[in-house]
Protein backbone atom coordinates (compact mmCIF):
# COMPACT_ATOMS: atom_id res chain seq x y z
CA MET A 1 -0.02 0.00 0.09
CA THR A 2 1.23 3.62 -1.13
CA VAL A 3 1.58 6.00 1.69
CA HIS A 4 1.10 9.66 0.31
CA THR A 5 3.37 12.20 1.95
CA PRO A 6 0.99 15.33 2.44
CA TYR A 7 1.99 18.54 0.93
CA LEU A 8 2.58 21.33 3.21
CA TRP A 9 0.83 24.76 2.88
CA GLN A 10 2.70 27.84 4.52
CA LYS A 11 3.12 31.29 4.09
CA ASP A 12 5.37 31.62 1.11
CA ASN A 13 3.81 29.08 -1.27
CA LEU A 14 0.20 30.23 -0.42
CA GLN A 15 1.43 33.86 -1.37
CA ALA A 16 3.06 32.58 -4.34
CA ALA A 17 -0.10 30.70 -5.56
CA THR A 18 -2.88 33.42 -4.86
CA ASN A 19 -0.66 36.76 -4.57
CA GLY A 20 -3.16 37.69 -1.72
CA ARG A 21 -2.55 40.12 1.20
CA TRP A 22 -2.28 39.18 4.59
CA SER A 23 -4.22 40.02 7.70
CA GLY A 24 -2.84 38.98 10.83
CA GLU A 25 0.38 36.75 11.57
CA PHE A 26 0.48 33.22 10.05
CA ASP A 27 3.26 31.19 10.73
CA ALA A 28 1.84 27.67 10.61
CA GLN A 29 1.85 24.74 8.36
CA SER A 30 -1.17 23.09 7.01
CA CYS A 31 -1.74 19.98 4.87
CA ARG A 32 -5.27 20.41 4.12
CA ILE A 33 -7.32 23.11 2.50
CA THR A 34 -11.23 22.83 2.72
CA THR A 35 -14.32 25.00 1.73
CA ASP A 36 -16.82 22.86 4.15
CA THR A 37 -16.79 23.88 7.90
CA ARG A 38 -18.64 20.63 8.75
CA LYS A 39 -15.01 18.82 7.66
CA ILE A 40 -12.76 21.09 9.29
CA GLU A 41 -10.11 19.36 11.40
CA GLN A 42 -7.49 21.02 13.73
CA GLY A 43 -4.94 22.73 11.74
CA ASP A 44 -6.73 23.13 8.44
CA ILE A 45 -7.01 25.86 6.31
CA PHE A 46 -10.36 27.21 5.44
CA LEU A 47 -11.31 28.64 2.25
CA ALA A 48 -14.55 30.65 2.09
CA ILE A 49 -16.72 30.29 -0.96
CA LYS A 50 -19.68 32.49 -1.68
CA GLY A 51 -22.55 30.51 -3.45
CA GLU A 52 -25.97 31.47 -4.41
CA ASN A 53 -27.70 30.44 -1.33
CA PHE A 54 -24.86 30.53 1.07
CA ASP A 55 -21.52 32.52 1.98
CA GLY A 56 -18.57 30.72 3.52
CA HIS A 57 -17.51 34.26 5.08
CA ASP A 58 -20.31 33.80 7.64
CA TYR A 59 -18.61 30.79 9.05
CA VAL A 60 -14.82 32.12 9.40
CA GLU A 61 -15.41 32.43 13.41
CA MET A 62 -16.92 28.69 13.29
CA ALA A 63 -13.90 27.34 11.47
CA LYS A 64 -11.74 29.05 13.92
CA GLU A 65 -13.38 27.47 16.74
CA LYS A 66 -13.11 24.01 14.90
CA GLY A 67 -9.32 24.45 14.64
CA ALA A 68 -8.75 26.15 11.23
CA VAL A 69 -5.34 27.97 11.47
CA LEU A 70 -5.94 30.43 8.59
CA ALA A 71 -9.26 31.75 6.46
CA ILE A 72 -8.75 32.61 2.72
CA VAL A 73 -11.35 35.18 2.02
CA SER A 74 -12.32 37.54 -0.67
CA GLU A 75 -12.56 40.33 1.62
CA GLN A 76 -11.49 40.66 5.41
CA VAL A 77 -14.12 39.51 7.77
CA ALA A 78 -14.44 40.47 11.56
CA SER A 79 -12.31 37.58 13.10
CA ASP A 80 -8.96 37.37 14.70
CA LEU A 81 -8.23 34.44 12.74
CA PRO A 82 -5.21 34.96 10.49
CA GLN A 83 -6.70 35.73 6.78
CA LEU A 84 -5.32 35.52 3.15
CA ILE A 85 -7.32 38.07 1.22
CA THR A 86 -7.58 37.45 -2.34
CA GLY A 87 -10.47 39.57 -3.89
CA ASP A 88 -12.00 36.20 -5.13
CA THR A 89 -11.60 33.17 -3.40
CA LYS A 90 -13.17 31.04 -6.33
CA LYS A 91 -10.27 32.23 -8.44
CA ALA A 92 -7.99 31.62 -5.54
CA LEU A 93 -9.12 28.12 -5.23
CA GLY A 94 -7.95 27.67 -8.98
CA LEU A 95 -4.92 29.13 -8.88
CA LEU A 96 -4.09 26.95 -5.63
CA GLY A 97 -4.99 23.86 -7.64
CA LYS A 98 -2.90 24.95 -10.83
CA TYR A 99 0.12 25.69 -8.44
CA ARG A 100 -0.14 22.01 -7.06
CA ARG A 101 -0.54 20.82 -10.68
CA ASP A 102 2.46 22.97 -12.11
CA ALA A 103 4.60 21.65 -9.11
CA HIS A 104 4.49 18.18 -10.80
CA PRO A 105 5.94 18.53 -14.36
CA ASP A 106 6.35 15.00 -14.89
CA LEU A 107 2.84 13.81 -13.71
CA MET A 108 1.02 12.40 -16.47
CA VAL A 109 -2.63 13.77 -16.95
CA VAL A 110 -5.55 12.34 -18.62
CA ALA A 111 -8.69 14.67 -18.67
CA LEU A 112 -12.07 13.09 -19.78
CA THR A 113 -15.39 14.67 -20.37
CA GLY A 114 -18.75 13.59 -22.29
CA SER A 115 -22.35 13.61 -21.82
CA SER A 116 -22.57 10.10 -20.33
CA GLY A 117 -19.98 7.39 -19.14
CA LYS A 118 -17.26 9.97 -17.62
CA THR A 119 -17.31 8.11 -14.17
CA THR A 120 -17.19 4.61 -15.27
CA THR A 121 -14.58 5.45 -17.92
CA LYS A 122 -12.67 7.14 -15.14
CA GLU A 123 -12.83 4.22 -12.68
CA MET A 124 -11.60 1.96 -15.60
CA LEU A 125 -8.66 4.16 -16.63
CA GLY A 126 -7.82 4.29 -12.67
CA HIS A 127 -7.75 0.64 -12.54
CA ILE A 128 -5.50 0.22 -15.57
CA LEU A 129 -2.84 3.01 -14.58
CA SER A 130 -2.93 2.03 -10.70
CA GLN A 131 -1.31 -1.18 -11.58
CA ILE A 132 1.77 0.91 -12.87
CA ALA A 133 2.13 3.51 -10.49
CA PRO A 134 -0.04 5.62 -7.93
CA THR A 135 -2.87 7.53 -9.48
CA LEU A 136 -5.23 10.49 -8.48
CA ILE A 137 -8.55 9.89 -9.69
CA THR A 138 -11.26 12.21 -9.28
CA ARG A 139 -13.68 11.33 -6.60
CA GLY A 140 -17.28 11.61 -6.72
CA ASN A 141 -18.67 14.55 -8.64
CA LEU A 142 -15.66 16.95 -7.94
CA ASN A 143 -15.61 17.61 -11.78
CA ASN A 144 -16.51 21.50 -11.86
CA ASP A 145 -14.89 24.81 -11.49
CA LEU A 146 -14.70 24.16 -7.81
CA GLY A 147 -14.43 20.19 -7.61
CA VAL A 148 -11.52 20.13 -10.10
CA PRO A 149 -9.12 22.44 -8.22
CA MET A 150 -10.04 20.84 -4.83
CA MET A 151 -8.92 17.42 -6.53
CA LEU A 152 -5.55 18.99 -7.58
CA LEU A 153 -5.00 19.91 -4.07
CA GLU A 154 -4.88 16.27 -3.26
CA LEU A 155 -1.66 15.55 -5.29
CA SER A 156 1.40 14.16 -3.66
CA ASP A 157 4.90 13.49 -4.77
CA GLU A 158 3.86 9.93 -5.02
CA HIS A 159 1.16 10.32 -7.86
CA LYS A 160 2.72 9.54 -11.27
CA PHE A 161 -0.89 9.79 -13.11
CA ALA A 162 -3.91 11.80 -12.76
CA VAL A 163 -7.34 10.99 -14.05
CA MET A 164 -9.36 13.96 -14.11
CA GLU A 165 -13.16 14.08 -14.94
CA LEU A 166 -14.35 17.50 -16.31
CA GLY A 167 -18.05 18.44 -16.47
CA ALA A 168 -19.68 21.70 -17.67
CA ASN A 169 -22.91 23.21 -17.32
CA HIS A 170 -21.98 26.53 -19.19
CA VAL A 171 -19.68 27.42 -21.97
CA GLY A 172 -16.34 27.96 -20.84
CA GLU A 173 -16.17 25.91 -17.86
CA ILE A 174 -14.28 23.00 -19.53
CA ALA A 175 -11.90 25.41 -20.90
CA TYR A 176 -11.00 26.95 -17.60
CA THR A 177 -10.82 23.53 -15.70
CA ALA A 178 -8.43 22.04 -18.44
CA GLY A 179 -6.47 24.85 -17.97
CA LEU A 180 -5.69 24.06 -14.47
CA VAL A 181 -5.11 20.20 -15.14
CA ARG A 182 -3.04 20.76 -18.31
CA PRO A 183 -3.65 17.25 -19.50
CA ASP A 184 -1.22 15.09 -21.63
CA VAL A 185 -4.53 13.42 -22.89
CA ALA A 186 -7.71 14.75 -23.35
CA CYS A 187 -10.84 12.44 -24.30
CA VAL A 188 -14.59 13.52 -25.45
CA LEU A 189 -16.30 10.40 -24.83
CA ASN A 190 -19.55 11.51 -26.56
CA ILE A 191 -21.95 13.91 -27.22
CA GLY A 192 -25.55 13.26 -25.83
CA THR A 193 -28.19 15.58 -24.40
CA ALA A 194 -27.06 15.94 -20.85
CA HIS A 195 -27.52 19.75 -19.89
CA LEU A 196 -29.42 20.17 -23.02
CA GLY A 197 -31.18 23.33 -21.41
CA GLU A 198 -27.94 25.09 -20.38
CA PHE A 199 -26.39 24.85 -24.02
CA GLY A 200 -29.47 24.92 -26.31
CA GLY A 201 -28.49 22.23 -28.73
CA ARG A 202 -26.09 19.44 -29.19
CA ALA A 203 -24.03 21.34 -31.61
CA ASN A 204 -23.20 23.62 -28.56
CA ILE A 205 -22.77 20.94 -26.25
CA ALA A 206 -20.15 19.50 -28.57
CA ARG A 207 -18.37 22.86 -28.76
CA ALA A 208 -18.52 23.22 -25.06
CA LYS A 209 -16.88 19.54 -24.84
CA ALA A 210 -14.29 20.26 -27.49
CA GLU A 211 -12.76 23.04 -24.95
CA ILE A 212 -10.98 20.12 -23.37
CA TYR A 213 -8.65 20.06 -26.30
CA SER A 214 -7.51 23.69 -25.79
CA ALA A 215 -5.28 22.80 -22.88
CA LEU A 216 -3.14 20.29 -24.83
CA SER A 217 0.19 20.89 -25.93
CA GLU A 218 1.61 20.19 -29.30
CA ASP A 219 2.88 16.90 -27.59
CA GLY A 220 -0.51 16.21 -26.36
CA VAL A 221 -3.02 13.53 -27.71
CA ALA A 222 -6.61 14.19 -28.43
CA ILE A 223 -8.89 11.15 -28.13
CA VAL A 224 -12.14 11.28 -30.26
CA PRO A 225 -15.00 9.03 -30.46
CA PHE A 226 -15.12 7.75 -33.84
CA GLY A 227 -18.91 6.62 -33.74
CA ASP A 228 -20.02 9.81 -32.64
CA GLU A 229 -22.15 12.16 -34.78
CA PHE A 230 -19.95 15.30 -33.68
CA CYS A 231 -16.55 13.26 -34.56
CA THR A 232 -15.65 15.46 -37.30
CA LEU A 233 -16.39 18.82 -35.09
CA LEU A 234 -14.30 17.30 -32.51
CA SER A 235 -11.59 16.35 -34.44
CA GLN A 236 -11.39 19.72 -36.30
CA THR A 237 -11.26 21.48 -32.95
CA ALA A 238 -8.61 19.11 -31.59
CA SER A 239 -6.48 19.70 -34.52
CA ASN A 240 -5.91 23.53 -33.55
CA PHE A 241 -3.88 22.35 -30.74
CA THR A 242 -2.11 19.15 -31.86
CA ASP A 243 -1.56 16.74 -34.61
CA ARG A 244 -1.42 13.65 -32.21
CA MET A 245 -5.06 12.04 -32.35
CA LEU A 246 -6.49 8.53 -31.61
CA SER A 247 -9.92 7.56 -32.18
CA PHE A 248 -12.16 4.85 -30.66
CA GLY A 249 -14.97 2.88 -31.88
CA GLU A 250 -16.51 2.49 -35.31
CA GLN A 251 -18.99 4.18 -37.73
CA ASN A 252 -20.93 3.59 -40.73
CA VAL A 253 -19.73 5.87 -43.69
CA PRO A 254 -21.45 6.28 -46.90
CA LEU A 255 -19.53 4.62 -49.69
CA SER A 256 -18.68 7.72 -51.47
CA GLN A 257 -16.88 9.38 -48.26
CA ALA A 258 -15.12 5.97 -47.47
CA GLN A 259 -11.32 6.19 -47.60
CA LEU A 260 -10.87 3.42 -50.39
CA SER A 261 -9.63 3.21 -53.70
CA ASP A 262 -11.70 4.44 -56.69
CA GLU A 263 -11.57 0.72 -57.68
CA ASP A 264 -12.90 -0.64 -54.48
CA ILE A 265 -15.50 1.84 -54.31
CA GLN A 266 -16.78 1.03 -57.82
CA MET A 267 -16.79 -2.59 -57.17
CA LEU A 268 -18.99 -2.25 -53.95
CA SER A 269 -21.11 0.11 -55.46
CA GLU A 270 -21.97 -2.57 -58.41
CA GLN A 271 -22.55 -5.05 -55.28
CA GLY A 272 -25.23 -2.51 -54.20
CA VAL A 273 -23.28 -1.59 -51.04
CA SER A 274 -24.19 2.14 -49.88
CA SER A 275 -22.03 2.12 -46.89
CA VAL A 276 -18.99 0.50 -45.25
CA LEU A 277 -18.20 0.02 -41.53
CA MET A 278 -15.01 2.06 -40.78
CA MET A 279 -13.10 1.28 -37.51
CA GLY A 280 -11.28 3.67 -35.51
CA ASP A 281 -7.82 3.26 -33.82
CA LEU A 282 -8.98 1.09 -31.19
CA PHE A 283 -11.98 -0.88 -31.63
CA ALA A 284 -14.12 -3.87 -30.41
CA ASP A 285 -15.42 -7.14 -31.92
CA ASP A 286 -16.92 -10.44 -31.12
CA ILE A 287 -18.97 -8.51 -28.65
CA ASP A 288 -20.96 -10.59 -26.15
CA VAL A 289 -22.96 -8.83 -23.69
CA ALA A 290 -24.10 -11.35 -20.73
CA THR A 291 -26.08 -10.46 -17.59
CA THR A 292 -23.24 -10.54 -15.20
CA HIS A 293 -20.48 -9.41 -17.49
CA SER A 294 -19.06 -8.64 -21.22
CA THR A 295 -16.78 -9.97 -23.37
CA PHE A 296 -15.06 -8.67 -26.55
CA SER A 297 -11.70 -8.41 -28.43
CA LEU A 298 -9.88 -5.37 -28.06
CA ASN A 299 -8.10 -4.27 -31.37
CA THR A 300 -5.53 -1.72 -32.50
CA ASN A 301 -5.96 -0.42 -35.83
CA ILE A 302 -2.87 2.02 -36.26
CA GLU A 303 -0.39 0.32 -38.24
CA ILE A 304 -1.69 -2.43 -40.71
CA ASP A 305 1.18 -4.46 -40.34
CA GLU A 306 1.21 -4.23 -36.52
CA ILE A 307 -2.37 -4.77 -35.44
CA GLU A 308 -2.90 -6.31 -31.92
CA SER A 309 -5.95 -7.95 -30.82
CA LEU A 310 -6.39 -9.40 -27.28
CA PRO A 311 -9.55 -10.72 -25.31
CA VAL A 312 -11.31 -8.88 -22.81
CA GLN A 313 -13.85 -10.21 -20.01
CA LEU A 314 -15.24 -6.84 -18.41
CA PRO A 315 -16.86 -7.30 -15.27
CA LEU A 316 -19.55 -4.65 -16.24
CA ILE A 317 -23.14 -5.13 -18.07
CA GLY A 318 -24.03 -3.31 -21.17
CA GLU A 319 -22.76 -2.67 -24.78
CA HIS A 320 -22.14 1.10 -23.69
CA ASN A 321 -19.67 -0.07 -21.13
CA VAL A 322 -17.55 -1.78 -23.84
CA THR A 323 -17.70 1.76 -25.62
CA ASN A 324 -16.43 3.09 -22.26
CA ALA A 325 -13.92 0.54 -22.07
CA LEU A 326 -12.62 1.50 -25.42
CA ALA A 327 -12.31 5.07 -24.47
CA ALA A 328 -10.09 4.26 -21.28
CA SER A 329 -7.89 1.92 -23.40
CA ALA A 330 -7.53 4.71 -26.16
CA CYS A 331 -6.53 7.00 -23.17
CA ALA A 332 -4.17 4.44 -21.74
CA TYR A 333 -2.55 3.44 -25.16
CA ALA A 334 -1.84 7.22 -25.69
CA LEU A 335 0.23 7.13 -22.62
CA GLY A 336 2.27 4.16 -23.87
CA VAL A 337 0.41 1.57 -21.76
CA PRO A 338 0.97 -1.91 -23.57
CA LEU A 339 -2.22 -3.64 -24.54
CA HIS A 340 -1.95 -6.69 -22.04
CA SER A 341 -1.61 -4.27 -19.13
CA ILE A 342 -4.97 -2.43 -20.56
CA VAL A 343 -6.82 -5.56 -20.51
CA ARG A 344 -5.56 -6.58 -17.05
CA GLY A 345 -6.69 -3.23 -15.64
CA LEU A 346 -10.17 -3.56 -17.47
CA GLN A 347 -10.72 -7.01 -16.13
CA SER A 348 -10.06 -5.77 -12.50
CA VAL A 349 -12.91 -3.11 -12.60
CA THR A 350 -15.90 -3.22 -10.21
CA ALA A 351 -19.01 -1.36 -11.03
CA PRO A 352 -19.37 1.82 -8.89
CA GLN A 353 -22.34 2.07 -6.64
CA GLY A 354 -25.59 3.03 -8.23
CA ARG A 355 -24.33 2.24 -11.98
CA LEU A 356 -26.10 -1.12 -12.94
CA THR A 357 -25.14 -2.61 -9.55
CA ARG A 358 -27.26 -5.73 -8.99
CA MET A 359 -28.76 -7.09 -5.82
CA ALA A 360 -30.85 -10.01 -4.74
CA PHE A 361 -34.28 -9.42 -3.44
CA GLY A 362 -36.24 -12.85 -2.52
CA GLU A 363 -36.87 -14.44 -6.10
CA HIS A 364 -36.26 -10.97 -7.63
CA LEU A 365 -33.20 -9.13 -8.76
CA ILE A 366 -32.74 -5.57 -8.57
CA ILE A 367 -30.62 -3.14 -10.91
CA ASP A 368 -29.59 0.05 -9.56
CA ASP A 369 -28.68 2.55 -11.96
CA THR A 370 -29.82 5.47 -9.93
CA TYR A 371 -26.81 7.43 -9.95
CA ASN A 372 -27.91 9.98 -12.56
CA ALA A 373 -29.67 9.94 -15.93
CA ASN A 374 -29.66 11.30 -19.55
CA PRO A 375 -31.62 10.28 -22.44
CA THR A 376 -28.74 8.35 -23.73
CA SER A 377 -27.86 6.65 -20.59
CA MET A 378 -31.35 5.83 -19.69
CA LEU A 379 -32.00 4.07 -23.28
CA ALA A 380 -28.68 2.01 -22.67
CA ALA A 381 -29.94 0.91 -19.11
CA ALA A 382 -33.09 -0.29 -20.74
CA LYS A 383 -31.32 -2.20 -23.36
CA VAL A 384 -29.30 -3.81 -20.41
CA LEU A 385 -32.70 -4.90 -18.78
CA GLU A 386 -33.97 -6.14 -21.91
CA GLN A 387 -31.33 -8.87 -22.08
CA GLU A 388 -32.62 -10.26 -18.63
CA ASP A 389 -34.48 -13.89 -18.52
CA ASN A 390 -37.13 -12.93 -15.93
CA ALA A 391 -39.98 -10.81 -16.27
CA LYS A 392 -38.66 -7.15 -16.73
CA ILE A 393 -39.93 -3.96 -15.13
CA LEU A 394 -38.26 -0.72 -15.89
CA VAL A 395 -38.87 1.85 -13.08
CA LEU A 396 -37.95 5.26 -14.39
CA GLY A 397 -37.86 8.95 -12.71
CA ASP A 398 -37.42 12.46 -14.54
CA ILE A 399 -34.40 13.36 -16.39
CA PHE A 400 -33.45 16.81 -15.42
CA GLU A 401 -31.54 19.63 -17.03
CA LEU A 402 -33.27 19.33 -20.40
CA GLY A 403 -34.55 22.91 -20.37
CA GLU A 404 -37.22 23.66 -23.26
CA ALA A 405 -36.44 20.31 -25.01
CA ALA A 406 -37.48 18.28 -22.06
CA ALA A 407 -41.06 17.34 -23.04
CA ASP A 408 -39.54 16.22 -26.70
CA GLU A 409 -36.66 14.35 -25.10
CA HIS A 410 -38.68 12.45 -22.91
CA TYR A 411 -41.15 11.56 -25.67
CA GLN A 412 -38.27 10.60 -27.95
CA LEU A 413 -37.08 8.30 -25.28
CA GLY A 414 -40.36 6.50 -24.92
CA GLN A 415 -40.36 6.14 -28.90
CA ASN A 416 -36.92 4.62 -28.55
CA ILE A 417 -37.72 2.31 -25.37
CA ALA A 418 -41.06 0.94 -26.64
CA PRO A 419 -39.89 -1.39 -29.17
CA LEU A 420 -37.73 -3.34 -26.50
CA ALA A 421 -38.70 -6.55 -25.22
CA LEU A 422 -39.88 -5.32 -21.66
CA ASP A 423 -42.72 -6.24 -19.56
CA ALA A 424 -43.72 -3.20 -17.89
CA ILE A 425 -42.42 0.53 -17.32
CA PHE A 426 -43.48 2.49 -14.06
CA ALA A 427 -42.76 5.92 -14.34
CA VAL A 428 -42.70 8.97 -11.88
CA GLY A 429 -41.95 12.63 -12.44
CA GLU A 430 -43.99 15.35 -14.55
CA ASN A 431 -41.86 14.96 -17.76
CA MET A 432 -42.06 11.03 -17.67
CA LYS A 433 -45.70 11.49 -18.64
CA HIS A 434 -44.55 12.33 -22.27
CA MET A 435 -42.36 9.20 -22.13
CA VAL A 436 -45.19 7.07 -21.22
CA ARG A 437 -47.56 8.49 -23.68
CA ALA A 438 -44.98 7.74 -26.44
CA VAL A 439 -44.55 3.95 -25.26
CA ASN A 440 -48.26 3.44 -25.10
CA GLU A 441 -48.86 4.72 -28.48
CA LEU A 442 -46.71 1.53 -29.53
CA ARG A 443 -47.27 -1.05 -26.80
CA PRO A 444 -50.00 -0.24 -23.60
CA ILE A 445 -47.12 -1.45 -20.89
CA ALA A 446 -46.28 1.98 -19.57
CA THR A 447 -47.83 3.47 -16.32
CA HIS A 448 -47.46 6.96 -14.92
CA PHE A 449 -47.68 7.63 -11.20
CA GLU A 450 -48.34 10.95 -9.11
CA ASP A 451 -45.71 10.11 -6.77
CA LYS A 452 -43.28 7.32 -5.40
CA SER A 453 -45.41 5.95 -2.90
CA ALA A 454 -48.21 5.06 -5.55
CA LEU A 455 -45.72 3.58 -7.80
CA LEU A 456 -44.18 1.59 -4.92
CA ASP A 457 -47.70 0.26 -3.96
CA ALA A 458 -48.25 -0.83 -7.88
CA LEU A 459 -44.72 -2.44 -8.08
CA ARG A 460 -45.07 -4.57 -4.82
CA LEU A 461 -48.31 -6.00 -6.12
CA ARG A 462 -46.85 -6.63 -9.62
CA LEU A 463 -44.01 -8.64 -8.07
CA GLN A 464 -46.31 -11.09 -6.68
CA ASP A 465 -46.67 -12.53 -10.28
CA GLY A 466 -43.28 -14.31 -9.92
CA ALA A 467 -39.61 -13.72 -10.42
CA THR A 468 -39.11 -10.34 -11.79
CA THR A 469 -35.79 -8.14 -12.75
CA ILE A 470 -36.47 -4.42 -11.73
CA LEU A 471 -34.23 -1.71 -13.03
CA PHE A 472 -34.24 1.48 -11.41
CA LYS A 473 -33.07 4.79 -12.93
CA GLY A 474 -33.73 8.69 -13.03
CA SER A 475 -31.80 11.88 -12.42
CA ARG A 476 -29.85 12.41 -9.26
CA GLY A 477 -32.62 14.99 -7.98
CA MET A 478 -35.24 12.13 -8.33
CA LYS A 479 -33.54 10.23 -5.85
CA MET A 480 -34.74 6.88 -7.30
CA GLU A 481 -32.60 4.98 -4.74
CA THR A 482 -35.14 5.77 -2.13
CA LEU A 483 -37.64 3.23 -4.08
CA ILE A 484 -35.05 0.50 -3.75
CA CYS A 485 -34.61 1.21 0.06
CA ASP A 486 -38.08 1.24 0.55
CA LEU A 487 -39.02 -1.80 -1.55
CA ALA A 488 -36.17 -4.13 0.05
CA ASN A 489 -36.54 -2.57 3.62
CA LEU A 490 -33.00 -1.24 3.56
CA GLY A 491 -33.83 2.49 4.80
C-alpha cells in the first residue's frame, strides 16, 4: 500500500499561488485546504466560498472554533483568525489547484469529458494506471470549477498519473478546468443531451466539450469518439492544438466518403453496397453482452502491419460499457501503456455504486442504476434490462437539465424504449408523462404515477406475479434509490 506524503501549505507558497495580502500573523503549516466547515479538523485552512444560497465568509469564526489556522477570504471579515485576502476566493481556489499541478511537471494527466460514461470510464482508466504507479482519480462528482481544483490539491509527490473528470453546465467551464489540469491526454467520450437546457442544442454541447482539447500542448494526444455524430467537429477542434490524435469505436460511412480506392468503391457500388463499417484506432469486435459481464476483443487499428488483438472479459454489463472500455483503452494507449496491461486493468474493474449494480431481493433481482440519468444512458440501461431472463420492469424518474426540450426528449425516449422486449414500465415525474404516452402509442405497457408512494404500491403488487428483474433509473434529483430502499426495506 502506497503512503502519500501530504503537501504542506505555508505562508510563502500560499502567497506565491494566490498573490493575496495578509491580515494577521500566519506562521503555521497545514496539509489541507477545505471549503466545508463541517469537515474542518485541527490545523486545516478554511477557504470561504460564496455561492447562490450561502456565504462561507459567515462561517470564518466557526472555522476558527473547529481548529482552522487560516481563512482564505475574498475580503477581510471580523475575526482574529489570520486571513489571506484574495479578492475572489473561487479564483484563488483555481490558482491553488494550478499551483499544485504545476509543481508536478512529470505527472501524466488524462482529462475526460462527455455527456455520459465519464465516471465509469474514469474508474476503468484508474484501474489500468494504478497497476503501474500511484494514480490520483477524481472522487465523486468533483468535476466542476470548484471540484477540479479541490482534487488537484490532493496531489502528492508519489502520484505519477492523474485521471481528471471534467464536467460542464456552461460554455467556458471546461476550458477553465482543462487549463488548470493541463492534460497530456484529453478525451471526449460522446455528445448526448445532458445539460441540453443550458447549452441550447447538441452542437453547442459538442463545442463546449471540445474545449478540453484547448489545454493540450503540441505533444498532447486528443482522443475522439469515432462513432459519434460530432466526431468531425471534435477532430477539427482538436487539430487546432495538436496533430496527435487517436479515435475509438466504429461508424458506418457512406461509400462515397469511405477512404477506399476508386476501384474498391466502384466494385462495392456495383454489389449494391451503400455504406461501409469503418473502424477507429481502437475498436472492439466479437462483442457478447451477458447478464453479469461482457466479453469482446480489443483491437488496435493504427499500423496495418502491427495490428494487436486481445480478448477482454469486462466485469460490467451493457454494450455501452464496452464503448467506455474502448475510451479508457485509447487514453491508456496514448500514454504508452501496452495492450496486455490495459486488458488486465479492465478485467479488474468493479461497478461503481448506483451504476448497474445488482442486488438479489427474494426471488427477484434489482438493478440499481440510480446515480444519474440522461436520455442516452437511460436508453442504454433499458437495453441492459432487455437482456434479462425473468419478467422485466423498468422504473424511471424524470431526466433533469433538458430545458425547453424536456418534453420532446422524454417523448423521444419513449419512442426508443417502446420496441424493447420489456414487460412493464413504471414512471414518476412530470416529464415522464410524455415518455409514457410515447411508449403506449406502440405498446400499452407503461404507467405514470403521481408520486413514488403510488408507484411503490403498484410495484409490490406486480412482484407477486413471480420472479422479476427491476431496473431503477432517474436523474440525481429524483433520488430513485429511495424506492429501492423502501422496496427492500433497506432504509
